């Protein structure tokens, strides 16, 4: 698991792990803190965007909360 760089300093994302066709994101707060996004939900294009934002270190939480919303494959 790679710590999220959080360059803007206000993200709820703590860390993430990219896998071939998915990304696992861990959030700082919330009832469920682990979310998996994959090629089925929300789709490969969205997963690729999540991976890009994770690598950049900013914008990941915003993209998830405004675009992806509850379109995740799994949460725990």
PDB file of N, CA and C in Angstrom:
ATOM      1  N   UNK A   1       0.860  -1.161   0.000  1.00  0.00           N
ATOM      2  CA  UNK A   1       0.000   0.000   0.000  1.00  0.00           C
ATOM      3  C   UNK A   1       0.908   1.227   0.000  1.00  0.00           C
ATOM      4  N   UNK A   2       0.651   2.133  -0.904  1.00  0.00           N
ATOM      5  CA  UNK A   2       1.454   3.346  -1.032  1.00  0.00           C
ATOM      6  C   UNK A   2       0.744   4.517  -0.364  1.00  0.00           C
ATOM      7  N   UNK A   3       1.427   5.240   0.511  1.00  0.00           N
ATOM      8  CA  UNK A   3       0.791   6.418   1.102  1.00  0.00           C
ATOM      9  C   UNK A   3       0.445   7.438   0.008  1.00  0.00           C
ATOM     10  N   UNK A   4      -0.725   8.034   0.123  1.00  0.00           N
ATOM     11  CA  UNK A   4      -1.162   9.050  -0.827  1.00  0.00           C
ATOM     12  C   UNK A   4      -0.425  10.345  -0.513  1.00  0.00           C
ATOM     13  N   UNK A   5       0.142  10.986  -1.515  1.00  0.00           N
ATOM     14  CA  UNK A   5       0.978  12.168  -1.309  1.00  0.00           C
ATOM     15  C   UNK A   5       0.196  13.380  -0.825  1.00  0.00           C
ATOM     16  N   UNK A   6      -1.073  13.507  -1.169  1.00  0.00           N
ATOM     17  CA  UNK A   6      -1.947  14.569  -0.652  1.00  0.00           C
ATOM     18  C   UNK A   6      -1.291  15.950  -0.749  1.00  0.00           C
ATOM     19  N   UNK A   7      -0.920  16.336  -1.936  1.00  0.00           N
ATOM     20  CA  UNK A   7      -0.195  17.586  -2.146  1.00  0.00           C
ATOM     21  C   UNK A   7      -0.981  18.826  -1.752  1.00  0.00           C
ATOM     22  N   UNK A   8      -2.294  18.776  -1.785  1.00  0.00           N
ATOM     23  CA  UNK A   8      -3.099  19.939  -1.373  1.00  0.00           C
ATOM     24  C   UNK A   8      -3.383  19.928   0.121  1.00  0.00           C
ATOM     25  N   UNK A   9      -3.100  18.815   0.798  1.00  0.00           N
ATOM     26  CA  UNK A   9      -3.198  18.750   2.244  1.00  0.00           C
ATOM     27  C   UNK A   9      -4.579  18.577   2.828  1.00  0.00           C
ATOM     28  N   UNK A  10      -5.601  18.373   2.012  1.00  0.00           N
ATOM     29  CA  UNK A  10      -6.960  18.286   2.564  1.00  0.00           C
ATOM     30  C   UNK A  10      -7.715  17.047   2.098  1.00  0.00           C
ATOM     31  N   UNK A  11      -7.013  16.009   1.698  1.00  0.00           N
ATOM     32  CA  UNK A  11      -7.667  14.816   1.174  1.00  0.00           C
ATOM     33  C   UNK A  11      -8.041  13.845   2.285  1.00  0.00           C
ATOM     34  N   UNK A  12      -9.110  13.135   2.070  1.00  0.00           N
ATOM     35  CA  UNK A  12      -9.528  12.071   2.979  1.00  0.00           C
ATOM     36  C   UNK A  12      -8.843  10.747   2.607  1.00  0.00           C
ATOM     37  N   UNK A  13      -8.102  10.712   1.507  1.00  0.00           N
ATOM     38  CA  UNK A  13      -7.399   9.504   1.072  1.00  0.00           C
ATOM     39  C   UNK A  13      -6.103   9.364   1.865  1.00  0.00           C
ATOM     40  N   UNK A  14      -5.878   8.173   2.418  1.00  0.00           N
ATOM     41  CA  UNK A  14      -4.663   7.884   3.182  1.00  0.00           C
ATOM     42  C   UNK A  14      -3.646   7.162   2.312  1.00  0.00           C
ATOM     43  N   UNK A  15      -4.100   6.135   1.607  1.00  0.00           N
ATOM     44  CA  UNK A  15      -3.195   5.339   0.783  1.00  0.00           C
ATOM     45  C   UNK A  15      -3.965   4.654  -0.332  1.00  0.00           C
ATOM     46  N   UNK A  16      -3.215   4.105  -1.279  1.00  0.00           N
ATOM     47  CA  UNK A  16      -3.839   3.390  -2.381  1.00  0.00           C
ATOM     48  C   UNK A  16      -2.858   2.378  -2.950  1.00  0.00           C
ATOM     49  N   UNK A  17      -3.422   1.403  -3.615  1.00  0.00           N
ATOM     50  CA  UNK A  17      -2.624   0.361  -4.248  1.00  0.00           C
ATOM     51  C   UNK A  17      -3.217   0.097  -5.621  1.00  0.00           C
ATOM     52  N   UNK A  18      -2.403   0.215  -6.637  1.00  0.00           N
ATOM     53  CA  UNK A  18      -2.879  -0.062  -7.985  1.00  0.00           C
ATOM     54  C   UNK A  18      -2.544  -1.494  -8.358  1.00  0.00           C
ATOM     55  N   UNK A  19      -3.498  -2.143  -8.965  1.00  0.00           N
ATOM     56  CA  UNK A  19      -3.375  -3.511  -9.444  1.00  0.00           C
ATOM     57  C   UNK A  19      -3.753  -3.446 -10.921  1.00  0.00           C
ATOM     58  N   UNK A  20      -3.447  -4.437 -11.697  1.00  0.00           N
ATOM     59  CA  UNK A  20      -3.652  -4.413 -13.145  1.00  0.00           C
ATOM     60  C   UNK A  20      -4.896  -3.653 -13.591  1.00  0.00           C
ATOM     61  N   UNK A  21      -6.065  -4.128 -13.226  1.00  0.00           N
ATOM     62  CA  UNK A  21      -7.307  -3.511 -13.700  1.00  0.00           C
ATOM     63  C   UNK A  21      -8.130  -2.907 -12.575  1.00  0.00           C
ATOM     64  N   UNK A  22      -7.458  -2.563 -11.466  1.00  0.00           N
ATOM     65  CA  UNK A  22      -8.193  -2.008 -10.338  1.00  0.00           C
ATOM     66  C   UNK A  22      -7.303  -1.129  -9.470  1.00  0.00           C
ATOM     67  N   UNK A  23      -7.950  -0.448  -8.540  1.00  0.00           N
ATOM     68  CA  UNK A  23      -7.241   0.356  -7.546  1.00  0.00           C
ATOM     69  C   UNK A  23      -7.979   0.217  -6.217  1.00  0.00           C
ATOM     70  N   UNK A  24      -7.216   0.017  -5.160  1.00  0.00           N
ATOM     71  CA  UNK A  24      -7.737  -0.103  -3.799  1.00  0.00           C
ATOM     72  C   UNK A  24      -7.380   1.211  -3.099  1.00  0.00           C
ATOM     73  N   UNK A  25      -8.384   1.902  -2.585  1.00  0.00           N
ATOM     74  CA  UNK A  25      -8.181   3.198  -1.935  1.00  0.00           C
ATOM     75  C   UNK A  25      -8.608   3.087  -0.477  1.00  0.00           C
ATOM     76  N   UNK A  26      -7.769   3.607   0.420  1.00  0.00           N
ATOM     77  CA  UNK A  26      -8.076   3.636   1.852  1.00  0.00           C
ATOM     78  C   UNK A  26      -8.310   5.086   2.252  1.00  0.00           C
ATOM     79  N   UNK A  27      -9.453   5.329   2.891  1.00  0.00           N
ATOM     80  CA  UNK A  27      -9.828   6.670   3.330  1.00  0.00           C
ATOM     81  C   UNK A  27      -9.550   6.838   4.818  1.00  0.00           C
ATOM     82  N   UNK A  28      -9.335   8.070   5.229  1.00  0.00           N
ATOM     83  CA  UNK A  28      -9.031   8.409   6.619  1.00  0.00           C
ATOM     84  C   UNK A  28     -10.239   8.213   7.531  1.00  0.00           C
ATOM     85  N   UNK A  29     -11.424   8.521   7.024  1.00  0.00           N
ATOM     86  CA  UNK A  29     -12.620   8.441   7.862  1.00  0.00           C
ATOM     87  C   UNK A  29     -13.785   7.857   7.085  1.00  0.00           C
ATOM     88  N   UNK A  30     -14.814   7.531   7.817  1.00  0.00           N
ATOM     89  CA  UNK A  30     -16.007   6.953   7.222  1.00  0.00           C
ATOM     90  C   UNK A  30     -16.285   5.582   7.809  1.00  0.00           C
ATOM     91  N   UNK A  31     -17.517   5.145   7.674  1.00  0.00           N
ATOM     92  CA  UNK A  31     -17.899   3.841   8.211  1.00  0.00           C
ATOM     93  C   UNK A  31     -17.091   2.722   7.549  1.00  0.00           C
ATOM     94  N   UNK A  32     -16.938   2.801   6.241  1.00  0.00           N
ATOM     95  CA  UNK A  32     -16.096   1.878   5.489  1.00  0.00           C
ATOM     96  C   UNK A  32     -14.912   2.684   4.979  1.00  0.00           C
ATOM     97  N   UNK A  33     -13.714   2.191   5.193  1.00  0.00           N
ATOM     98  CA  UNK A  33     -12.529   2.960   4.806  1.00  0.00           C
ATOM     99  C   UNK A  33     -11.810   2.392   3.595  1.00  0.00           C
ATOM    100  N   UNK A  34     -12.072   1.150   3.233  1.00  0.00           N
ATOM    101  CA  UNK A  34     -11.426   0.502   2.096  1.00  0.00           C
ATOM    102  C   UNK A  34     -12.403   0.371   0.942  1.00  0.00           C
ATOM    103  N   UNK A  35     -11.994   0.844  -0.229  1.00  0.00           N
ATOM    104  CA  UNK A  35     -12.832   0.769  -1.423  1.00  0.00           C
ATOM    105  C   UNK A  35     -12.023   0.214  -2.577  1.00  0.00           C
ATOM    106  N   UNK A  36     -12.642  -0.673  -3.325  1.00  0.00           N
ATOM    107  CA  UNK A  36     -12.022  -1.233  -4.512  1.00  0.00           C
ATOM    108  C   UNK A  36     -12.795  -0.746  -5.727  1.00  0.00           C
ATOM    109  N   UNK A  37     -12.068  -0.223  -6.694  1.00  0.00           N
ATOM    110  CA  UNK A  37     -12.630   0.231  -7.964  1.00  0.00           C
ATOM    111  C   UNK A  37     -11.966  -0.616  -9.044  1.00  0.00           C
ATOM    112  N   UNK A  38     -12.767  -1.219  -9.940  1.00  0.00           N
ATOM    113  CA  UNK A  38     -12.162  -2.097 -10.943  1.00  0.00           C
ATOM    114  C   UNK A  38     -12.766  -1.897 -12.328  1.00  0.00           C
ATOM    115  N   UNK A  39     -12.364  -2.763 -13.265  1.00  0.00           N
ATOM    116  CA  UNK A  39     -12.788  -2.641 -14.667  1.00  0.00           C
ATOM    117  C   UNK A  39     -14.292  -2.832 -14.843  1.00  0.00           C
ATOM    118  N   UNK A  40     -14.942  -3.474 -13.890  1.00  0.00           N
ATOM    119  CA  UNK A  40     -16.395  -3.648 -13.955  1.00  0.00           C
ATOM    120  C   UNK A  40     -17.132  -2.451 -13.363  1.00  0.00           C
ATOM    121  N   UNK A  41     -16.676  -2.011 -12.209  1.00  0.00           N
ATOM    122  CA  UNK A  41     -17.288  -0.866 -11.531  1.00  0.00           C
ATOM    123  C   UNK A  41     -16.191   0.008 -10.989  1.00  0.00           C
ATOM    124  N   UNK A  42     -15.980   1.140 -11.465  1.00  0.00           N
ATOM    125  CA  UNK A  42     -16.792   1.973 -12.344  1.00  0.00           C
ATOM    126  C   UNK A  42     -16.418   1.866 -13.820  1.00  0.00           C
ATOM    127  N   UNK A  43     -15.501   0.963 -14.162  1.00  0.00           N
ATOM    128  CA  UNK A  43     -15.080   0.805 -15.554  1.00  0.00           C
ATOM    129  C   UNK A  43     -13.612   1.147 -15.720  1.00  0.00           C
ATOM    130  N   UNK A  44     -13.004   0.610 -16.764  1.00  0.00           N
ATOM    131  CA  UNK A  44     -11.560   0.767 -16.949  1.00  0.00           C
ATOM    132  C   UNK A  44     -11.139   2.218 -17.168  1.00  0.00           C
ATOM    133  N   UNK A  45     -11.914   2.995 -17.898  1.00  0.00           N
ATOM    134  CA  UNK A  45     -11.547   4.403 -18.125  1.00  0.00           C
ATOM    135  C   UNK A  45     -11.491   5.168 -16.802  1.00  0.00           C
ATOM    136  N   UNK A  46     -12.461   4.946 -15.937  1.00  0.00           N
ATOM    137  CA  UNK A  46     -12.479   5.614 -14.637  1.00  0.00           C
ATOM    138  C   UNK A  46     -11.325   5.126 -13.761  1.00  0.00           C
ATOM    139  N   UNK A  47     -11.034   3.829 -13.796  1.00  0.00           N
ATOM    140  CA  UNK A  47      -9.918   3.275 -13.021  1.00  0.00           C
ATOM    141  C   UNK A  47      -8.599   3.876 -13.497  1.00  0.00           C
ATOM    142  N   UNK A  48      -8.433   4.011 -14.790  1.00  0.00           N
ATOM    143  CA  UNK A  48      -7.218   4.622 -15.325  1.00  0.00           C
ATOM    144  C   UNK A  48      -7.078   6.064 -14.834  1.00  0.00           C
ATOM    145  N   UNK A  49      -8.175   6.793 -14.778  1.00  0.00           N
ATOM    146  CA  UNK A  49      -8.157   8.168 -14.269  1.00  0.00           C
ATOM    147  C   UNK A  49      -7.810   8.181 -12.785  1.00  0.00           C
ATOM    148  N   UNK A  50      -8.378   7.258 -12.014  1.00  0.00           N
ATOM    149  CA  UNK A  50      -8.058   7.157 -10.583  1.00  0.00           C
ATOM    150  C   UNK A  50      -6.573   6.882 -10.386  1.00  0.00           C
ATOM    151  N   UNK A  51      -6.017   6.006 -11.192  1.00  0.00           N
ATOM    152  CA  UNK A  51      -4.588   5.680 -11.094  1.00  0.00           C
ATOM    153  C   UNK A  51      -3.727   6.897 -11.404  1.00  0.00           C
ATOM    154  N   UNK A  52      -4.118   7.657 -12.413  1.00  0.00           N
ATOM    155  CA  UNK A  52      -3.373   8.868 -12.771  1.00  0.00           C
ATOM    156  C   UNK A  52      -3.404   9.875 -11.632  1.00  0.00           C
ATOM    157  N   UNK A  53      -4.579  10.098 -11.065  1.00  0.00           N
ATOM    158  CA  UNK A  53      -4.715  11.044  -9.958  1.00  0.00           C
ATOM    159  C   UNK A  53      -3.941  10.569  -8.728  1.00  0.00           C
ATOM    160  N   UNK A  54      -3.951   9.278  -8.469  1.00  0.00           N
ATOM    161  CA  UNK A  54      -3.201   8.728  -7.340  1.00  0.00           C
ATOM    162  C   UNK A  54      -1.706   8.975  -7.525  1.00  0.00           C
ATOM    163  N   UNK A  55      -1.209   8.779  -8.723  1.00  0.00           N
ATOM    164  CA  UNK A  55       0.211   8.994  -9.006  1.00  0.00           C
ATOM    165  C   UNK A  55       0.575  10.474  -8.885  1.00  0.00           C
ATOM    166  N   UNK A  56      -0.343  11.372  -9.264  1.00  0.00           N
ATOM    167  CA  UNK A  56      -0.096  12.815  -9.172  1.00  0.00           C
ATOM    168  C   UNK A  56      -0.079  13.300  -7.730  1.00  0.00           C
ATOM    169  N   UNK A  57      -0.852  12.645  -6.869  1.00  0.00           N
ATOM    170  CA  UNK A  57      -0.895  13.035  -5.466  1.00  0.00           C
ATOM    171  C   UNK A  57      -1.906  14.112  -5.138  1.00  0.00           C
ATOM    172  N   UNK A  58      -2.785  14.420  -6.076  1.00  0.00           N
ATOM    173  CA  UNK A  58      -3.862  15.363  -5.779  1.00  0.00           C
ATOM    174  C   UNK A  58      -5.053  15.113  -6.706  1.00  0.00           C
ATOM    175  N   UNK A  59      -6.239  15.433  -6.199  1.00  0.00           N
ATOM    176  CA  UNK A  59      -7.450  15.306  -6.990  1.00  0.00           C
ATOM    177  C   UNK A  59      -8.182  13.975  -6.868  1.00  0.00           C
ATOM    178  N   UNK A  60      -7.596  13.008  -6.206  1.00  0.00           N
ATOM    179  CA  UNK A  60      -8.204  11.673  -6.116  1.00  0.00           C
ATOM    180  C   UNK A  60      -9.506  11.703  -5.322  1.00  0.00           C
ATOM    181  N   UNK A  61      -9.486  12.272  -4.143  1.00  0.00           N
ATOM    182  CA  UNK A  61     -10.688  12.324  -3.314  1.00  0.00           C
ATOM    183  C   UNK A  61     -11.804  13.104  -4.002  1.00  0.00           C
ATOM    184  N   UNK A  62     -11.466  14.220  -4.622  1.00  0.00           N
ATOM    185  CA  UNK A  62     -12.475  15.029  -5.329  1.00  0.00           C
ATOM    186  C   UNK A  62     -13.112  14.268  -6.476  1.00  0.00           C
ATOM    187  N   UNK A  63     -12.292  13.584  -7.253  1.00  0.00           N
ATOM    188  CA  UNK A  63     -12.819  12.823  -8.387  1.00  0.00           C
ATOM    189  C   UNK A  63     -13.744  11.704  -7.906  1.00  0.00           C
ATOM    190  N   UNK A  64     -13.354  11.037  -6.841  1.00  0.00           N
ATOM    191  CA  UNK A  64     -14.201   9.969  -6.303  1.00  0.00           C
ATOM    192  C   UNK A  64     -15.516  10.544  -5.778  1.00  0.00           C
ATOM    193  N   UNK A  65     -15.453  11.620  -5.024  1.00  0.00           N
ATOM    194  CA  UNK A  65     -16.677  12.152  -4.415  1.00  0.00           C
ATOM    195  C   UNK A  65     -17.603  12.846  -5.408  1.00  0.00           C
ATOM    196  N   UNK A  66     -17.064  13.386  -6.502  1.00  0.00           N
ATOM    197  CA  UNK A  66     -17.924  14.102  -7.455  1.00  0.00           C
ATOM    198  C   UNK A  66     -18.310  13.276  -8.681  1.00  0.00           C
ATOM    199  N   UNK A  67     -17.467  12.356  -9.087  1.00  0.00           N
ATOM    200  CA  UNK A  67     -17.713  11.612 -10.328  1.00  0.00           C
ATOM    201  C   UNK A  67     -18.036  10.147 -10.080  1.00  0.00           C
ATOM    202  N   UNK A  68     -17.216   9.485  -9.306  1.00  0.00           N
ATOM    203  CA  UNK A  68     -17.395   8.047  -9.061  1.00  0.00           C
ATOM    204  C   UNK A  68     -18.552   7.787  -8.093  1.00  0.00           C
ATOM    205  N   UNK A  69     -18.605   8.574  -7.049  1.00  0.00           N
ATOM    206  CA  UNK A  69     -19.633   8.475  -6.002  1.00  0.00           C
ATOM    207  C   UNK A  69     -19.735   7.043  -5.472  1.00  0.00           C
ATOM    208  N   UNK A  70     -20.877   6.389  -5.589  1.00  0.00           N
ATOM    209  CA  UNK A  70     -21.049   5.039  -5.022  1.00  0.00           C
ATOM    210  C   UNK A  70     -20.834   3.945  -6.060  1.00  0.00           C
ATOM    211  N   UNK A  71     -20.185   4.256  -7.145  1.00  0.00           N
ATOM    212  CA  UNK A  71     -19.952   3.276  -8.213  1.00  0.00           C
ATOM    213  C   UNK A  71     -18.628   2.530  -7.971  1.00  0.00           C
ATOM    214  N   UNK A  72     -18.557   1.789  -6.889  1.00  0.00           N
ATOM    215  CA  UNK A  72     -17.370   1.022  -6.518  1.00  0.00           C
ATOM    216  C   UNK A  72     -17.681  -0.467  -6.640  1.00  0.00           C
ATOM    217  N   UNK A  73     -16.642  -1.260  -6.710  1.00  0.00           N
ATOM    218  CA  UNK A  73     -16.827  -2.710  -6.820  1.00  0.00           C
ATOM    219  C   UNK A  73     -17.039  -3.350  -5.453  1.00  0.00           C
ATOM    220  N   UNK A  74     -16.350  -2.823  -4.445  1.00  0.00           N
ATOM    221  CA  UNK A  74     -16.433  -3.415  -3.103  1.00  0.00           C
ATOM    222  C   UNK A  74     -15.999  -2.403  -2.065  1.00  0.00           C
ATOM    223  N   UNK A  75     -16.576  -2.500  -0.863  1.00  0.00           N
ATOM    224  CA  UNK A  75     -16.124  -1.677   0.258  1.00  0.00           C
ATOM    225  C   UNK A  75     -16.119  -2.533   1.514  1.00  0.00           C
ATOM    226  N   UNK A  76     -15.197  -2.196   2.416  1.00  0.00           N
ATOM    227  CA  UNK A  76     -15.121  -2.916   3.686  1.00  0.00           C
ATOM    228  C   UNK A  76     -14.451  -2.055   4.733  1.00  0.00           C
TER     229      UNK A  76
END
